[in-house]
C-alpha atoms as a PDB file:
ATOM      1  CA  MET A   1     -32.398  56.858 -24.824  1.00  0.00           C
ATOM      2  CA  LEU A   2     -34.773  54.027 -24.307  1.00  0.00           C
ATOM      3  CA  PRO A   3     -38.328  54.652 -23.208  1.00  0.00           C
ATOM      4  CA  ARG A   4     -39.180  53.961 -19.598  1.00  0.00           C
ATOM      5  CA  GLU A   5     -41.236  50.856 -20.398  1.00  0.00           C
ATOM      6  CA  SER A   6     -38.474  49.195 -22.315  1.00  0.00           C
ATOM      7  CA  MET A   7     -36.012  49.861 -19.495  1.00  0.00           C
ATOM      8  CA  ALA A   8     -38.361  48.286 -16.973  1.00  0.00           C
ATOM      9  CA  SER A   9     -38.894  45.260 -19.156  1.00  0.00           C
ATOM     10  CA  GLN A  10     -35.162  45.000 -19.715  1.00  0.00           C
ATOM     11  CA  GLU A  11     -34.541  45.131 -15.951  1.00  0.00           C
ATOM     12  CA  LYS A  12     -37.138  42.409 -15.416  1.00  0.00           C
ATOM     13  CA  ARG A  13     -35.498  40.284 -18.072  1.00  0.00           C
ATOM     14  CA  LEU A  14     -32.071  40.807 -16.534  1.00  0.00           C
ATOM     15  CA  ALA A  15     -33.424  40.123 -13.067  1.00  0.00           C
ATOM     16  CA  SER A  16     -35.170  36.959 -14.172  1.00  0.00           C
ATOM     17  CA  GLY A  17     -32.066  35.912 -16.105  1.00  0.00           C
ATOM     18  CA  THR A  18     -29.927  36.490 -13.039  1.00  0.00           C
ATOM     19  CA  LYS A  19     -32.255  34.417 -10.916  1.00  0.00           C
ATOM     20  CA  ALA A  20     -32.274  31.611 -13.492  1.00  0.00           C
ATOM     21  CA  ASP A  21     -28.491  31.808 -13.819  1.00  0.00           C
ATOM     22  CA  ALA A  22     -28.140  31.634 -10.044  1.00  0.00           C
ATOM     23  CA  GLU A  23     -30.426  28.605  -9.906  1.00  0.00           C
ATOM     24  CA  VAL A  24     -28.429  26.873 -12.641  1.00  0.00           C
ATOM     25  CA  LYS A  25     -25.159  27.665 -10.871  1.00  0.00           C
ATOM     26  CA  PHE A  26     -26.581  26.403  -7.586  1.00  0.00           C
ATOM     27  CA  ALA A  27     -27.810  23.189  -9.217  1.00  0.00           C
ATOM     28  CA  ARG A  28     -24.394  22.626 -10.803  1.00  0.00           C
ATOM     29  CA  ALA A  29     -22.614  23.272  -7.514  1.00  0.00           C
ATOM     30  CA  ARG A  30     -24.943  20.892  -5.674  1.00  0.00           C
ATOM     31  CA  LYS A  31     -24.422  18.212  -8.335  1.00  0.00           C
ATOM     32  CA  ARG A  32     -20.625  18.613  -8.109  1.00  0.00           C
ATOM     33  CA  ALA A  33     -20.775  18.373  -4.310  1.00  0.00           C
ATOM     34  CA  GLU A  34     -22.858  15.185  -4.529  1.00  0.00           C
ATOM     35  CA  GLU A  35     -20.472  13.678  -7.080  1.00  0.00           C
ATOM     36  CA  ALA A  36     -17.483  14.607  -4.916  1.00  0.00           C
ATOM     37  CA  ALA A  37     -19.094  12.987  -1.864  1.00  0.00           C
ATOM     38  CA  ARG A  38     -19.884   9.858  -3.896  1.00  0.00           C
ATOM     39  CA  ALA A  39     -16.325   9.732  -5.251  1.00  0.00           C
ATOM     40  CA  GLN A  40     -14.902  10.166  -1.741  1.00  0.00           C
ATOM     41  CA  THR A  41     -17.073   7.299  -0.498  1.00  0.00           C
ATOM     42  CA  GLU A  42     -15.854   5.101  -3.350  1.00  0.00           C
ATOM     43  CA  VAL A  43     -12.218   5.962  -2.610  1.00  0.00           C
ATOM     44  CA  GLN A  44     -12.677   5.134   1.072  1.00  0.00           C
ATOM     45  CA  ALA A  45     -14.384   1.840   0.221  1.00  0.00           C
ATOM     46  CA  GLU A  46     -11.572   0.893  -2.173  1.00  0.00           C
ATOM     47  CA  SER A  47      -8.956   1.822   0.423  1.00  0.00           C
ATOM     48  CA  LYS A  48     -10.702  -0.335   3.048  1.00  0.00           C
ATOM     49  CA  ARG A  49     -10.905  -3.244   0.592  1.00  0.00           C
ATOM     50  CA  VAL A  50      -7.182  -2.994  -0.196  1.00  0.00           C
ATOM     51  CA  ASN A  51      -6.252  -2.758   3.507  1.00  0.00           C
ATOM     52  CA  ASP A  52      -8.444  -5.745   4.392  1.00  0.00           C
ATOM     53  CA  ASN A  53      -6.919  -7.814   1.583  1.00  0.00           C
ATOM     54  CA  THR A  54      -3.396  -6.830   2.653  1.00  0.00           C
ATOM     55  CA  ALA A  55      -4.130  -7.864   6.246  1.00  0.00           C
ATOM     56  CA  ARG A  56      -5.580 -11.189   5.054  1.00  0.00           C
ATOM     57  CA  LEU A  57      -2.557 -11.933   2.873  1.00  0.00           C
ATOM     58  CA  ARG A  58      -0.157 -10.936   5.668  1.00  0.00           C
ATOM     59  CA  ALA A  59      -1.915 -13.314   8.069  1.00  0.00           C
ATOM     60  CA  LEU A  60      -1.707 -16.145   5.517  1.00  0.00           C
ATOM     61  CA  ARG A  61       2.002 -15.471   4.913  1.00  0.00           C
ATOM     62  CA  MET A  62       2.797 -15.387   8.633  1.00  0.00           C
ATOM     63  CA  ALA A  63       0.867 -18.621   9.229  1.00  0.00           C
ATOM     64  CA  LYS A  64       2.740 -20.310   6.376  1.00  0.00           C
ATOM     65  CA  GLU A  65       6.104 -19.087   7.688  1.00  0.00           C
ATOM     66  CA  ALA A  66       5.267 -20.391  11.168  1.00  0.00           C
ATOM     67  CA  SER A  67       4.159 -23.730   9.716  1.00  0.00           C
ATOM     68  CA  ASP A  68       7.327 -23.995   7.626  1.00  0.00           C
ATOM     69  CA  ALA A  69       9.503 -23.162  10.647  1.00  0.00           C
ATOM     70  CA  ALA A  70       7.743 -25.802  12.759  1.00  0.00           C
ATOM     71  CA  ALA A  71       8.124 -28.412  10.016  1.00  0.00           C
ATOM     72  CA  LYS A  72      11.802 -27.586   9.610  1.00  0.00           C
ATOM     73  CA  ALA A  73      12.365 -27.911  13.358  1.00  0.00           C
ATOM     74  CA  LEU A  74      10.842 -31.410  13.309  1.00  0.00           C
ATOM     75  CA  GLU A  75      13.000 -32.637  10.419  1.00  0.00           C
ATOM     76  CA  LYS A  76      16.078 -34.719  11.157  1.00  0.00           C
ATOM     77  CA  PRO A  77      19.317 -33.088  10.107  1.00  0.00           C
ATOM     78  CA  LYS A  78      20.476 -34.437   6.782  1.00  0.00           C
ATOM     79  CA  ALA A  79      23.848 -36.129   6.488  1.00  0.00           C
ATOM     80  CA  ALA A  80      26.426 -34.233   4.516  1.00  0.00           C
ATOM     81  CA  LYS A  81      26.782 -35.550   1.004  1.00  0.00           C
ATOM     82  CA  GLY A  82      29.991 -35.808  -0.940  1.00  0.00           C
ATOM     83  CA  ARG A  83      33.518 -35.943   0.312  1.00  0.00           C
ATOM     84  CA  LYS A  84      34.244 -35.845   3.969  1.00  0.00           C
ATOM     85  CA  ALA A  85      36.283 -32.943   5.101  1.00  0.00           C
ATOM     86  CA  LYS A  86      39.934 -33.712   5.689  1.00  0.00           C
ATOM     87  CA  ALA A  87      41.133 -33.404   9.243  1.00  0.00           C
ATOM     88  CA  LYS A  88      43.154 -30.272   9.638  1.00  0.00           C
ATOM     89  CA  ALA A  89      46.704 -30.635  10.815  1.00  0.00           C
ATOM     90  CA  LYS A  90      47.192 -29.286  14.266  1.00  0.00           C
ATOM     91  CA  SER A  91      49.322 -26.187  14.201  1.00  0.00           C
ATOM     92  CA  VAL A  92      52.066 -25.758  16.750  1.00  0.00           C
ATOM     93  CA  PRO A  93      53.624 -22.400  17.566  1.00  0.00           C
ATOM     94  CA  VAL A  94      57.192 -21.955  16.382  1.00  0.00           C
ATOM     95  CA  GLU A  95      58.494 -21.610  19.937  1.00  0.00           C
ATOM     96  CA  LYS A  96      57.308 -25.097  20.832  1.00  0.00           C
ATOM     97  CA  LEU A  97      58.775 -26.812  17.825  1.00  0.00           C
ATOM     98  CA  THR A  98      61.421 -29.327  18.738  1.00  0.00           C
ATOM     99  CA  ALA A  99      62.916 -32.238  16.981  1.00  0.00           C
ATOM    100  CA  GLU A 100      60.149 -34.424  18.418  1.00  0.00           C
ATOM    101  CA  ASN A 101      57.318 -32.323  16.982  1.00  0.00           C
ATOM    102  CA  ASP A 102      58.760 -31.945  13.481  1.00  0.00           C
ATOM    103  CA  GLY A 103      56.522 -33.436  11.060  1.00  0.00           C
END
């Protein structure tokens, strides 16, 4: 068995070690909490930046589409190029066919 004095000193050492360990753990936990809060703030800022940029680009695209639609509405229709379409022969039902309509 250990003498009483050595047990008391050992208890003090353990108690002081426990207190120091607790302080270190607390400091680490506080540092992690601060880093997590900072990271969360950065994530929110990045998300806001992306959303703002998306809204800006959407507005630009919609304005361009509206401008293009207005310009297209003001253009004169272009004449068809190439061959003209042949006139289709008028079809006559079989019941109405007579010697006059043969052709």
